[in-house]
Amino acid sequence: MNPPAAVSVSPRAGTCKICAGRTRPFADIQANRTCEDEKRPVFEPSPRLIAYRRCTACGLIATTDFDRLTDAELAAEIYNADYVRADPDFAGRRPFYKAAQYGPLLHRLPISIRGLDYGGGNGMFARLMGEHGVHFDSYDPYLGDTTAPTGQYDIITAFEVIEHSRTPMQTLADILAHLKPDGVLLFATSIQPRGVTPDWAYIAPRNGHVSLHSAASLRKMAKAAGTRLLSLSDHVHIIFRPQHPATAAALMHAWPLDDVLYNASMRGPAHLLRVILVLRALGAERSPGLPRHMLRSLLHIGA
């Protein structure tokens, strides 16, 4: 049986939640679409459409369709027992491979680290980091430890969190309130591909993906908060206060910089230059592969 005709419920006017720029309609996405639908549909198609709009200034793609819900209502609609079907890695593989990636790296830093996993779900990542000798607390407003953290941390991780925020500037402000002045936010969210279309799998209402960032919207969000952004790839980023870069500098000394420059080069020379300037501000060593990365960036102008 065919599903009933879909109906959009979003308002058709608005301003960007990051830069207050004008937004235009981008796509109406059926409410049960998940990131997993690239492989096969997870849920039955929904008759409801979620309207996403795109900022003409910074490129943020966002919906306001869930803004009217309370946190409890949103948890009941999105972050319920079926959420793991939309994001099976959330409580499965992700905490393990993230801990395997970041545990040894943070343990090697020449500074002591007290960390907070913001949006940490059931707290598995924090527990695994402890096994690597790095103390982490966990906080999640919907799942796991819902008690708001106290005190401040050297590093805050937020993996697959920012895209879930209905109020991205407020979420960043809350994270920064728990970050020491010289601390660093290490977070993961996918940047829109060039020429993004409604088929991009990251636009997934059933995953709770309500704010999909461009490189420009992330930069503007960081700048508005008085911080600086460095994208390490199209998915992993750091934010730090430029007046107090100690922890960010220590992290970058341990990070494979050629990987950072390679990823930056794939977005063209302007993006590569921005990344180089931030790395130099953090005291990163000059990469011997820089000429190769610069050439590659020129080949990707307009790609």
C-alpha atoms as a PDB file:
ATOM      1  CA  MET A   1       0.000   0.000   0.000  1.00  0.00           C
ATOM      2  CA  ASN A   2       1.356   3.425  -0.907  1.00  0.00           C
ATOM      3  CA  PRO A   3       1.925   5.874   1.960  1.00  0.00           C
ATOM      4  CA  PRO A   4      -0.441   8.847   2.167  1.00  0.00           C
ATOM      5  CA  ALA A   5       0.554  12.097   0.524  1.00  0.00           C
ATOM      6  CA  ALA A   6       3.289  13.884   2.442  1.00  0.00           C
ATOM      7  CA  VAL A   7       2.631  17.219   4.096  1.00  0.00           C
ATOM      8  CA  SER A   8       5.278  19.778   5.063  1.00  0.00           C
ATOM      9  CA  VAL A   9       4.816  21.523   8.413  1.00  0.00           C
ATOM     10  CA  SER A  10       7.734  23.974   8.385  1.00  0.00           C
ATOM     11  CA  PRO A  11       7.354  27.751   8.270  1.00  0.00           C
ATOM     12  CA  ARG A  12       8.509  29.211   4.983  1.00  0.00           C
ATOM     13  CA  ALA A  13      10.453  32.177   6.261  1.00  0.00           C
ATOM     14  CA  GLY A  14      13.322  32.574   8.634  1.00  0.00           C
ATOM     15  CA  THR A  15      16.827  33.635   9.399  1.00  0.00           C
ATOM     16  CA  CYS A  16      19.966  31.596   9.891  1.00  0.00           C
ATOM     17  CA  LYS A  17      20.626  30.285  13.395  1.00  0.00           C
ATOM     18  CA  ILE A  18      24.339  30.995  12.983  1.00  0.00           C
ATOM     19  CA  CYS A  19      24.702  34.324  11.203  1.00  0.00           C
ATOM     20  CA  ALA A  20      21.114  35.670  10.978  1.00  0.00           C
ATOM     21  CA  GLY A  21      21.357  35.643   7.189  1.00  0.00           C
ATOM     22  CA  ARG A  22      18.384  35.037   4.923  1.00  0.00           C
ATOM     23  CA  THR A  23      17.404  31.437   4.319  1.00  0.00           C
ATOM     24  CA  ARG A  24      15.797  29.825   1.311  1.00  0.00           C
ATOM     25  CA  PRO A  25      13.977  26.512   0.944  1.00  0.00           C
ATOM     26  CA  PHE A  26      16.450  23.702   0.297  1.00  0.00           C
ATOM     27  CA  ALA A  27      14.645  20.370   0.574  1.00  0.00           C
ATOM     28  CA  ASP A  28      11.646  18.610   2.075  1.00  0.00           C
ATOM     29  CA  ILE A  29      12.830  15.308   3.550  1.00  0.00           C
ATOM     30  CA  GLN A  30      10.525  12.572   4.781  1.00  0.00           C
ATOM     31  CA  ALA A  31      10.680  12.434   8.564  1.00  0.00           C
ATOM     32  CA  ASN A  32      11.822   8.815   8.868  1.00  0.00           C
ATOM     33  CA  ARG A  33      14.893   9.161   6.674  1.00  0.00           C
ATOM     34  CA  THR A  34      18.099   8.035   8.393  1.00  0.00           C
ATOM     35  CA  CYS A  35      21.772   8.068   7.490  1.00  0.00           C
ATOM     36  CA  GLU A  36      21.503   4.292   7.169  1.00  0.00           C
ATOM     37  CA  ASP A  37      19.041   4.628   4.296  1.00  0.00           C
ATOM     38  CA  GLU A  38      22.010   4.782   1.902  1.00  0.00           C
ATOM     39  CA  LYS A  39      22.294   1.042   2.513  1.00  0.00           C
ATOM     40  CA  ARG A  40      18.589   0.245   2.887  1.00  0.00           C
ATOM     41  CA  PRO A  41      15.572   2.023   4.412  1.00  0.00           C
ATOM     42  CA  VAL A  42      15.363   1.514   8.162  1.00  0.00           C
ATOM     43  CA  PHE A  43      11.809   2.681   8.862  1.00  0.00           C
ATOM     44  CA  GLU A  44       8.621   2.775   6.849  1.00  0.00           C
ATOM     45  CA  PRO A  45       8.325   6.035   4.873  1.00  0.00           C
ATOM     46  CA  SER A  46       6.620   8.776   6.830  1.00  0.00           C
ATOM     47  CA  PRO A  47       3.838  10.938   5.368  1.00  0.00           C
ATOM     48  CA  ARG A  48       5.412  13.891   7.158  1.00  0.00           C
ATOM     49  CA  LEU A  49       7.994  16.050   5.438  1.00  0.00           C
ATOM     50  CA  ILE A  50      10.664  17.986   7.311  1.00  0.00           C
ATOM     51  CA  ALA A  51      11.538  21.241   5.564  1.00  0.00           C
ATOM     52  CA  TYR A  52      15.190  22.271   5.502  1.00  0.00           C
ATOM     53  CA  ARG A  53      16.288  25.755   4.539  1.00  0.00           C
ATOM     54  CA  ARG A  54      19.749  26.964   3.528  1.00  0.00           C
ATOM     55  CA  CYS A  55      21.379  30.231   4.561  1.00  0.00           C
ATOM     56  CA  THR A  56      22.342  32.408   1.610  1.00  0.00           C
ATOM     57  CA  ALA A  57      25.276  33.843   3.583  1.00  0.00           C
ATOM     58  CA  CYS A  58      26.996  30.972   5.437  1.00  0.00           C
ATOM     59  CA  GLY A  59      25.380  27.927   3.861  1.00  0.00           C
ATOM     60  CA  LEU A  60      23.962  26.322   7.024  1.00  0.00           C
ATOM     61  CA  ILE A  61      21.216  23.846   6.167  1.00  0.00           C
ATOM     62  CA  ALA A  62      18.730  23.641   9.037  1.00  0.00           C
ATOM     63  CA  THR A  63      15.143  22.891   9.929  1.00  0.00           C
ATOM     64  CA  THR A  64      12.923  24.572  12.483  1.00  0.00           C
ATOM     65  CA  ASP A  65      10.332  21.801  12.453  1.00  0.00           C
ATOM     66  CA  PHE A  66      11.446  20.428  15.829  1.00  0.00           C
ATOM     67  CA  ASP A  67      11.990  23.793  17.509  1.00  0.00           C
ATOM     68  CA  ARG A  68       8.572  23.871  19.110  1.00  0.00           C
ATOM     69  CA  LEU A  69       9.147  20.587  20.983  1.00  0.00           C
ATOM     70  CA  THR A  70      10.308  20.414  24.576  1.00  0.00           C
ATOM     71  CA  ASP A  71      13.382  18.323  25.311  1.00  0.00           C
ATOM     72  CA  ALA A  72      11.120  15.582  26.655  1.00  0.00           C
ATOM     73  CA  GLU A  73       8.985  15.637  23.516  1.00  0.00           C
ATOM     74  CA  LEU A  74      12.061  15.550  21.292  1.00  0.00           C
ATOM     75  CA  ALA A  75      13.467  12.624  23.273  1.00  0.00           C
ATOM     76  CA  ALA A  76      10.182  10.756  22.839  1.00  0.00           C
ATOM     77  CA  GLU A  77      10.060  11.447  19.096  1.00  0.00           C
ATOM     78  CA  ILE A  78      13.733  10.979  18.144  1.00  0.00           C
ATOM     79  CA  TYR A  79      15.879   9.684  21.006  1.00  0.00           C
ATOM     80  CA  ASN A  80      13.659   6.753  21.916  1.00  0.00           C
ATOM     81  CA  ALA A  81      14.255   3.000  21.992  1.00  0.00           C
ATOM     82  CA  ASP A  82      14.333   2.884  18.180  1.00  0.00           C
ATOM     83  CA  TYR A  83      17.089   5.495  17.881  1.00  0.00           C
ATOM     84  CA  VAL A  84      19.761   2.810  17.745  1.00  0.00           C
ATOM     85  CA  ARG A  85      18.198   1.624  14.480  1.00  0.00           C
ATOM     86  CA  ALA A  86      18.825   5.060  12.951  1.00  0.00           C
ATOM     87  CA  ASP A  87      22.389   5.193  14.311  1.00  0.00           C
ATOM     88  CA  PRO A  88      23.608   1.671  15.136  1.00  0.00           C
ATOM     89  CA  ASP A  89      27.187   2.877  15.739  1.00  0.00           C
ATOM     90  CA  PHE A  90      26.028   5.206  18.530  1.00  0.00           C
ATOM     91  CA  ALA A  91      26.019   2.525  21.225  1.00  0.00           C
ATOM     92  CA  GLY A  92      28.109   0.026  19.283  1.00  0.00           C
ATOM     93  CA  ARG A  93      31.329   0.569  17.347  1.00  0.00           C
ATOM     94  CA  ARG A  94      31.744   4.348  17.639  1.00  0.00           C
ATOM     95  CA  PRO A  95      32.857   4.590  21.305  1.00  0.00           C
ATOM     96  CA  PHE A  96      35.401   1.815  20.740  1.00  0.00           C
ATOM     97  CA  TYR A  97      37.046   3.134  17.600  1.00  0.00           C
ATOM     98  CA  LYS A  98      37.009   6.721  18.897  1.00  0.00           C
ATOM     99  CA  ALA A  99      38.689   5.629  22.137  1.00  0.00           C
ATOM    100  CA  ALA A 100      41.218   3.556  20.190  1.00  0.00           C
ATOM    101  CA  GLN A 101      41.991   6.631  18.065  1.00  0.00           C
ATOM    102  CA  TYR A 102      42.117   9.340  20.722  1.00  0.00           C
ATOM    103  CA  GLY A 103      43.101   7.448  23.879  1.00  0.00           C
ATOM    104  CA  PRO A 104      46.765   6.859  22.950  1.00  0.00           C
ATOM    105  CA  LEU A 105      47.060  10.322  21.379  1.00  0.00           C
ATOM    106  CA  LEU A 106      45.781  12.197  24.446  1.00  0.00           C
ATOM    107  CA  HIS A 107      47.737   9.968  26.809  1.00  0.00           C
ATOM    108  CA  ARG A 108      50.964  11.022  25.015  1.00  0.00           C
ATOM    109  CA  LEU A 109      50.363  14.750  25.442  1.00  0.00           C
ATOM    110  CA  PRO A 110      52.916  16.497  27.685  1.00  0.00           C
ATOM    111  CA  ILE A 111      50.077  17.965  29.780  1.00  0.00           C
ATOM    112  CA  SER A 112      47.572  16.383  32.124  1.00  0.00           C
ATOM    113  CA  ILE A 113      44.119  15.975  30.630  1.00  0.00           C
ATOM    114  CA  ARG A 114      40.729  15.979  32.294  1.00  0.00           C
ATOM    115  CA  GLY A 115      38.086  15.474  29.658  1.00  0.00           C
ATOM    116  CA  LEU A 116      34.336  15.609  29.174  1.00  0.00           C
ATOM    117  CA  ASP A 117      32.486  13.689  26.469  1.00  0.00           C
ATOM    118  CA  TYR A 118      29.576  16.005  25.681  1.00  0.00           C
ATOM    119  CA  GLY A 119      26.654  14.109  24.193  1.00  0.00           C
ATOM    120  CA  GLY A 120      28.336  10.917  25.365  1.00  0.00           C
ATOM    121  CA  GLY A 121      25.290   8.647  25.352  1.00  0.00           C
ATOM    122  CA  ASN A 122      25.733   5.672  27.654  1.00  0.00           C
ATOM    123  CA  GLY A 123      29.209   6.832  28.723  1.00  0.00           C
ATOM    124  CA  MET A 124      31.110   4.022  27.030  1.00  0.00           C
ATOM    125  CA  PHE A 125      33.656   6.347  25.386  1.00  0.00           C
ATOM    126  CA  ALA A 126      34.471   7.951  28.751  1.00  0.00           C
ATOM    127  CA  ARG A 127      34.959   4.549  30.383  1.00  0.00           C
ATOM    128  CA  LEU A 128      37.198   3.368  27.568  1.00  0.00           C
ATOM    129  CA  MET A 129      39.294   6.530  27.753  1.00  0.00           C
ATOM    130  CA  GLY A 130      39.888   5.749  31.416  1.00  0.00           C
ATOM    131  CA  GLU A 131      41.410   2.444  30.325  1.00  0.00           C
ATOM    132  CA  HIS A 132      43.875   4.515  28.256  1.00  0.00           C
ATOM    133  CA  GLY A 133      44.838   6.480  31.355  1.00  0.00           C
ATOM    134  CA  VAL A 134      42.874   9.626  30.441  1.00  0.00           C
ATOM    135  CA  HIS A 135      40.131  10.725  32.848  1.00  0.00           C
ATOM    136  CA  PHE A 136      36.824  11.512  31.117  1.00  0.00           C
ATOM    137  CA  ASP A 137      33.371  12.338  32.420  1.00  0.00           C
ATOM    138  CA  SER A 138      30.283  11.875  30.280  1.00  0.00           C
ATOM    139  CA  TYR A 139      27.192  14.016  29.801  1.00  0.00           C
ATOM    140  CA  ASP A 140      24.199  13.614  27.507  1.00  0.00           C
ATOM    141  CA  PRO A 141      20.967  15.620  27.836  1.00  0.00           C
ATOM    142  CA  TYR A 142      18.877  12.760  26.432  1.00  0.00           C
ATOM    143  CA  LEU A 143      20.643   9.488  27.224  1.00  0.00           C
ATOM    144  CA  GLY A 144      23.028   8.092  29.820  1.00  0.00           C
ATOM    145  CA  ASP A 145      24.244  10.584  32.431  1.00  0.00           C
ATOM    146  CA  THR A 146      21.878  13.535  32.092  1.00  0.00           C
ATOM    147  CA  THR A 147      23.340  15.387  35.083  1.00  0.00           C
ATOM    148  CA  ALA A 148      24.839  18.669  33.875  1.00  0.00           C
ATOM    149  CA  PRO A 149      28.618  18.718  34.384  1.00  0.00           C
ATOM    150  CA  THR A 150      30.274  20.945  36.942  1.00  0.00           C
ATOM    151  CA  GLY A 151      33.712  22.501  36.789  1.00  0.00           C
ATOM    152  CA  GLN A 152      35.849  22.976  33.691  1.00  0.00           C
ATOM    153  CA  TYR A 153      37.819  20.615  31.502  1.00  0.00           C
ATOM    154  CA  ASP A 154      41.044  20.636  29.487  1.00  0.00           C
ATOM    155  CA  ILE A 155      39.373  18.941  26.556  1.00  0.00           C
ATOM    156  CA  ILE A 156      35.749  18.403  25.602  1.00  0.00           C
ATOM    157  CA  THR A 157      34.807  15.930  22.913  1.00  0.00           C
ATOM    158  CA  ALA A 158      31.500  16.151  21.067  1.00  0.00           C
ATOM    159  CA  PHE A 159      31.209  13.401  18.476  1.00  0.00           C
ATOM    160  CA  GLU A 160      28.162  13.670  16.205  1.00  0.00           C
ATOM    161  CA  VAL A 161      26.568  16.280  18.473  1.00  0.00           C
ATOM    162  CA  ILE A 162      26.587  19.718  16.795  1.00  0.00           C
ATOM    163  CA  GLU A 163      24.330  18.606  13.937  1.00  0.00           C
ATOM    164  CA  HIS A 164      21.700  17.568  16.518  1.00  0.00           C
ATOM    165  CA  SER A 165      21.426  21.015  18.071  1.00  0.00           C
ATOM    166  CA  ARG A 166      18.306  23.081  17.454  1.00  0.00           C
ATOM    167  CA  THR A 167      20.187  26.041  18.978  1.00  0.00           C
ATOM    168  CA  PRO A 168      23.786  25.622  17.751  1.00  0.00           C
ATOM    169  CA  MET A 169      25.112  28.907  19.155  1.00  0.00           C
ATOM    170  CA  GLN A 170      23.614  28.155  22.562  1.00  0.00           C
ATOM    171  CA  THR A 171      25.027  24.616  22.484  1.00  0.00           C
ATOM    172  CA  LEU A 172      28.510  25.925  21.715  1.00  0.00           C
ATOM    173  CA  ALA A 173      28.200  28.490  24.522  1.00  0.00           C
ATOM    174  CA  ASP A 174      27.229  25.706  26.949  1.00  0.00           C
ATOM    175  CA  ILE A 175      30.220  23.612  25.895  1.00  0.00           C
ATOM    176  CA  LEU A 176      32.596  26.559  26.218  1.00  0.00           C
ATOM    177  CA  ALA A 177      31.271  27.283  29.711  1.00  0.00           C
ATOM    178  CA  HIS A 178      32.702  23.909  30.752  1.00  0.00           C
ATOM    179  CA  LEU A 179      36.012  24.398  28.919  1.00  0.00           C
ATOM    180  CA  LYS A 180      39.079  25.821  30.658  1.00  0.00           C
ATOM    181  CA  PRO A 181      40.380  29.069  29.111  1.00  0.00           C
ATOM    182  CA  ASP A 182      43.276  27.170  27.491  1.00  0.00           C
ATOM    183  CA  GLY A 183      41.182  24.089  26.717  1.00  0.00           C
ATOM    184  CA  VAL A 184      40.137  22.675  23.370  1.00  0.00           C
ATOM    185  CA  LEU A 185      36.881  21.371  21.943  1.00  0.00           C
ATOM    186  CA  LEU A 186      37.428  18.356  19.697  1.00  0.00           C
ATOM    187  CA  PHE A 187      34.263  17.591  17.777  1.00  0.00           C
ATOM    188  CA  ALA A 188      32.991  15.635  14.817  1.00  0.00           C
ATOM    189  CA  THR A 189      30.343  16.702  12.345  1.00  0.00           C
ATOM    190  CA  SER A 190      30.357  16.312   8.582  1.00  0.00           C
ATOM    191  CA  ILE A 191      30.847  19.417   6.462  1.00  0.00           C
ATOM    192  CA  GLN A 192      28.573  19.693   3.460  1.00  0.00           C
ATOM    193  CA  PRO A 193      30.173  18.410   0.259  1.00  0.00           C
ATOM    194  CA  ARG A 194      30.626  20.848  -2.581  1.00  0.00           C
ATOM    195  CA  GLY A 195      27.464  21.162  -4.588  1.00  0.00           C
ATOM    196  CA  VAL A 196      25.448  19.589  -1.785  1.00  0.00           C
ATOM    197  CA  THR A 197      22.073  18.206  -2.871  1.00  0.00           C
ATOM    198  CA  PRO A 198      19.018  16.929  -0.972  1.00  0.00           C
ATOM    199  CA  ASP A 199      20.337  13.400  -1.550  1.00  0.00           C
ATOM    200  CA  TRP A 200      23.181  13.956   0.930  1.00  0.00           C
ATOM    201  CA  ALA A 201      22.732  11.139   3.439  1.00  0.00           C
ATOM    202  CA  TYR A 202      23.641  13.342   6.421  1.00  0.00           C
ATOM    203  CA  ILE A 203      20.328  15.193   6.023  1.00  0.00           C
ATOM    204  CA  ALA A 204      18.484  12.682   8.183  1.00  0.00           C
ATOM    205  CA  PRO A 205      15.594  13.873  10.364  1.00  0.00           C
ATOM    206  CA  ARG A 206      15.143  10.513  12.113  1.00  0.00           C
ATOM    207  CA  ASN A 207      18.758  10.751  13.269  1.00  0.00           C
ATOM    208  CA  GLY A 208      17.960  14.133  14.783  1.00  0.00           C
ATOM    209  CA  HIS A 209      20.162  15.935  12.244  1.00  0.00           C
ATOM    210  CA  VAL A 210      18.669  19.415  12.307  1.00  0.00           C
ATOM    211  CA  SER A 211      21.718  21.672  11.669  1.00  0.00           C
ATOM    212  CA  LEU A 212      23.995  20.649   8.796  1.00  0.00           C
ATOM    213  CA  HIS A 213      27.094  22.778   8.577  1.00  0.00           C
ATOM    214  CA  SER A 214      29.181  24.198   5.782  1.00  0.00           C
ATOM    215  CA  ALA A 215      32.824  25.113   6.322  1.00  0.00           C
ATOM    216  CA  ALA A 216      31.729  28.764   6.442  1.00  0.00           C
ATOM    217  CA  SER A 217      28.977  28.225   9.020  1.00  0.00           C
ATOM    218  CA  LEU A 218      31.398  26.445  11.365  1.00  0.00           C
ATOM    219  CA  ARG A 219      33.890  29.317  11.031  1.00  0.00           C
ATOM    220  CA  LYS A 220      31.200  31.918  11.671  1.00  0.00           C
ATOM    221  CA  MET A 221      29.881  30.000  14.669  1.00  0.00           C
ATOM    222  CA  ALA A 222      33.365  29.803  16.189  1.00  0.00           C
ATOM    223  CA  LYS A 223      34.105  33.478  15.491  1.00  0.00           C
ATOM    224  CA  ALA A 224      30.801  34.634  17.009  1.00  0.00           C
ATOM    225  CA  ALA A 225      31.745  32.758  20.192  1.00  0.00           C
ATOM    226  CA  GLY A 226      35.145  34.467  20.353  1.00  0.00           C
ATOM    227  CA  THR A 227      36.976  31.288  19.402  1.00  0.00           C
ATOM    228  CA  ARG A 228      38.900  29.925  16.427  1.00  0.00           C
ATOM    229  CA  LEU A 229      38.153  26.894  14.306  1.00  0.00           C
ATOM    230  CA  LEU A 230      40.582  24.448  12.749  1.00  0.00           C
ATOM    231  CA  SER A 231      39.119  21.712  10.571  1.00  0.00           C
ATOM    232  CA  LEU A 232      41.378  18.655  10.675  1.00  0.00           C
ATOM    233  CA  SER A 233      39.284  16.938   8.013  1.00  0.00           C
ATOM    234  CA  ASP A 234      35.806  17.272   6.527  1.00  0.00           C
ATOM    235  CA  HIS A 235      34.503  15.572   9.663  1.00  0.00           C
ATOM    236  CA  VAL A 236      36.831  16.340  12.613  1.00  0.00           C
ATOM    237  CA  HIS A 237      37.438  19.853  13.947  1.00  0.00           C
ATOM    238  CA  ILE A 238      38.804  21.712  16.948  1.00  0.00           C
ATOM    239  CA  ILE A 239      37.734  25.002  18.512  1.00  0.00           C
ATOM    240  CA  PHE A 240      39.942  26.935  20.936  1.00  0.00           C
ATOM    241  CA  ARG A 241      40.318  30.422  22.358  1.00  0.00           C
ATOM    242  CA  PRO A 242      43.079  32.147  20.362  1.00  0.00           C
ATOM    243  CA  GLN A 243      44.347  34.001  23.455  1.00  0.00           C
ATOM    244  CA  HIS A 244      44.955  30.674  25.245  1.00  0.00           C
ATOM    245  CA  PRO A 245      46.015  28.055  22.680  1.00  0.00           C
ATOM    246  CA  ALA A 246      48.164  25.804  24.903  1.00  0.00           C
ATOM    247  CA  THR A 247      46.098  22.623  24.776  1.00  0.00           C
ATOM    248  CA  ALA A 248      45.257  23.054  21.095  1.00  0.00           C
ATOM    249  CA  ALA A 249      48.965  23.543  20.321  1.00  0.00           C
ATOM    250  CA  ALA A 250      49.893  20.405  22.273  1.00  0.00           C
ATOM    251  CA  LEU A 251      47.222  18.453  20.420  1.00  0.00           C
ATOM    252  CA  MET A 252      48.459  19.641  17.030  1.00  0.00           C
ATOM    253  CA  HIS A 253      52.055  18.688  17.855  1.00  0.00           C
ATOM    254  CA  ALA A 254      50.790  15.120  18.294  1.00  0.00           C
ATOM    255  CA  TRP A 255      48.475  15.147  15.254  1.00  0.00           C
ATOM    256  CA  PRO A 256      49.563  13.957  11.774  1.00  0.00           C
ATOM    257  CA  LEU A 257      49.722  17.363  10.084  1.00  0.00           C
ATOM    258  CA  ASP A 258      50.125  15.977   6.569  1.00  0.00           C
ATOM    259  CA  ASP A 259      46.666  14.447   6.905  1.00  0.00           C
ATOM    260  CA  VAL A 260      45.275  17.846   7.921  1.00  0.00           C
ATOM    261  CA  LEU A 261      46.920  19.595   4.962  1.00  0.00           C
ATOM    262  CA  TYR A 262      45.868  16.905   2.517  1.00  0.00           C
ATOM    263  CA  ASN A 263      42.212  17.207   3.550  1.00  0.00           C
ATOM    264  CA  ALA A 264      42.393  21.001   3.429  1.00  0.00           C
ATOM    265  CA  SER A 265      43.906  20.931  -0.056  1.00  0.00           C
ATOM    266  CA  MET A 266      40.889  19.019  -1.354  1.00  0.00           C
ATOM    267  CA  ARG A 267      38.746  22.096  -0.680  1.00  0.00           C
ATOM    268  CA  GLY A 268      40.881  24.503  -2.666  1.00  0.00           C
ATOM    269  CA  PRO A 269      43.626  27.064  -1.951  1.00  0.00           C
ATOM    270  CA  ALA A 270      41.531  29.456   0.167  1.00  0.00           C
ATOM    271  CA  HIS A 271      40.615  26.708   2.628  1.00  0.00           C
ATOM    272  CA  LEU A 272      44.185  25.389   2.668  1.00  0.00           C
ATOM    273  CA  LEU A 273      45.551  28.872   3.410  1.00  0.00           C
ATOM    274  CA  ARG A 274      43.157  29.305   6.342  1.00  0.00           C
ATOM    275  CA  VAL A 275      44.275  25.968   7.779  1.00  0.00           C
ATOM    276  CA  ILE A 276      47.980  26.824   7.333  1.00  0.00           C
ATOM    277  CA  LEU A 277      47.535  30.143   9.149  1.00  0.00           C
ATOM    278  CA  VAL A 278      45.817  28.492  12.116  1.00  0.00           C
ATOM    279  CA  LEU A 279      48.461  25.760  12.287  1.00  0.00           C
ATOM    280  CA  ARG A 280      51.227  28.362  12.315  1.00  0.00           C
ATOM    281  CA  ALA A 281      49.426  30.296  15.054  1.00  0.00           C
ATOM    282  CA  LEU A 282      49.553  27.061  17.061  1.00  0.00           C
ATOM    283  CA  GLY A 283      53.284  26.692  16.445  1.00  0.00           C
ATOM    284  CA  ALA A 284      52.974  23.652  14.205  1.00  0.00           C
ATOM    285  CA  GLU A 285      56.075  22.707  12.250  1.00  0.00           C
ATOM    286  CA  ARG A 286      56.192  23.368   8.527  1.00  0.00           C
ATOM    287  CA  SER A 287      55.318  20.263   6.539  1.00  0.00           C
ATOM    288  CA  PRO A 288      57.882  19.158   3.918  1.00  0.00           C
ATOM    289  CA  GLY A 289      54.896  18.133   1.790  1.00  0.00           C
ATOM    290  CA  LEU A 290      53.418  21.636   1.727  1.00  0.00           C
ATOM    291  CA  PRO A 291      54.286  22.397  -1.958  1.00  0.00           C
ATOM    292  CA  ARG A 292      52.525  19.187  -2.969  1.00  0.00           C
ATOM    293  CA  HIS A 293      49.459  20.114  -0.929  1.00  0.00           C
ATOM    294  CA  MET A 294      49.412  23.614  -2.436  1.00  0.00           C
ATOM    295  CA  LEU A 295      49.526  22.202  -5.962  1.00  0.00           C
ATOM    296  CA  ARG A 296      46.704  19.829  -5.162  1.00  0.00           C
ATOM    297  CA  SER A 297      44.615  22.679  -3.790  1.00  0.00           C
ATOM    298  CA  LEU A 298      45.017  24.605  -7.057  1.00  0.00           C
ATOM    299  CA  LEU A 299      43.760  21.582  -8.971  1.00  0.00           C
ATOM    300  CA  HIS A 300      40.649  21.555  -6.785  1.00  0.00           C
ATOM    301  CA  ILE A 301      39.519  25.125  -7.441  1.00  0.00           C
ATOM    302  CA  GLY A 302      35.835  24.856  -8.205  1.00  0.00           C
ATOM    303  CA  ALA A 303      35.912  21.064  -7.965  1.00  0.00           C
END
